[in-house]
């Protein structure tokens, strides 16, 4: 499972939260295509810490998240 929030503002197009064995990454994409992958990634301990980091850094609230397929399996 992954969560996505679209910001569509200069320097930050979207944020994806994705769980890995070591924790939950906050993946920051700077364009629609982002062919090279995220421009930033920040490892957090769990989902609640990842959401808190996204709120503190980018202002993303709980109602902005939508569930998407895990990005590791997309293209």
Protein backbone atom coordinates (compact mmCIF):
# COMPACT_ATOMS: atom_id res chain seq x y z
CA UNK A 1 0.00 0.00 0.00
CA UNK A 2 1.05 3.56 -0.66
CA UNK A 3 -0.58 6.94 -0.08
CA UNK A 4 -0.35 9.91 -2.42
CA UNK A 5 -1.06 13.62 -2.10
CA UNK A 6 -0.93 15.92 -5.14
CA UNK A 7 0.39 19.40 -4.35
CA UNK A 8 1.20 20.63 -7.87
CA UNK A 9 3.27 23.59 -6.75
CA UNK A 10 6.77 24.72 -7.80
CA UNK A 11 9.38 22.19 -6.72
CA UNK A 12 6.87 19.70 -5.31
CA UNK A 13 4.34 18.00 -7.57
CA UNK A 14 3.33 15.09 -5.33
CA UNK A 15 4.22 13.27 -2.13
CA UNK A 16 4.00 9.49 -1.76
CA UNK A 17 4.18 7.55 1.50
CA UNK A 18 5.35 3.98 1.02
CA UNK A 19 6.13 1.24 3.51
CA UNK A 20 9.38 -0.72 3.35
CA UNK A 21 10.85 -3.18 5.87
CA UNK A 22 12.95 -0.42 7.43
CA UNK A 23 10.03 2.01 7.84
CA UNK A 24 7.84 4.38 5.82
CA UNK A 25 9.41 6.64 3.22
CA UNK A 26 8.14 10.11 2.40
CA UNK A 27 8.91 10.32 -1.33
CA UNK A 28 8.89 13.81 -2.87
CA UNK A 29 8.40 14.11 -6.64
CA UNK A 30 9.09 17.41 -8.37
CA UNK A 31 7.28 16.85 -11.69
CA UNK A 32 4.40 14.95 -13.25
CA UNK A 33 6.66 12.44 -14.99
CA UNK A 34 9.57 12.32 -12.51
CA UNK A 35 11.38 9.82 -14.76
CA UNK A 36 14.35 9.62 -12.45
CA UNK A 37 12.23 8.88 -9.40
CA UNK A 38 11.70 10.99 -6.31
CA UNK A 39 13.88 14.07 -5.86
CA UNK A 40 13.87 13.51 -2.08
CA UNK A 41 13.12 10.67 0.28
CA UNK A 42 12.84 10.75 4.03
CA UNK A 43 12.64 7.59 6.14
CA UNK A 44 10.22 7.64 9.09
CA UNK A 45 9.54 4.96 11.72
CA UNK A 46 5.88 4.36 10.85
CA UNK A 47 2.81 5.69 9.03
CA UNK A 48 1.90 8.20 11.72
CA UNK A 49 5.41 9.70 11.77
CA UNK A 50 5.46 9.85 7.95
CA UNK A 51 2.11 11.67 7.88
CA UNK A 52 3.30 14.04 10.60
CA UNK A 53 6.49 14.81 8.65
CA UNK A 54 4.46 15.45 5.48
CA UNK A 55 2.15 17.77 7.43
CA UNK A 56 5.02 19.66 9.05
CA UNK A 57 7.09 19.96 5.86
CA UNK A 58 4.37 20.38 3.22
CA UNK A 59 1.09 21.11 5.03
CA UNK A 60 -0.59 17.88 3.88
CA UNK A 61 -3.67 17.04 5.94
CA UNK A 62 -5.27 13.58 6.39
CA UNK A 63 -8.05 14.34 3.89
CA UNK A 64 -5.53 14.99 1.09
CA UNK A 65 -4.18 11.41 1.04
CA UNK A 66 -5.52 8.80 -1.34
CA UNK A 67 -4.49 5.16 -1.56
CA UNK A 68 -2.55 4.17 -4.68
CA UNK A 69 -0.74 1.02 -5.81
CA UNK A 70 2.75 0.57 -4.40
CA UNK A 71 5.08 2.62 -6.65
CA UNK A 72 7.73 -0.13 -6.64
CA UNK A 73 5.48 -2.10 -8.98
CA UNK A 74 4.57 0.75 -11.38
CA UNK A 75 6.69 0.91 -14.53
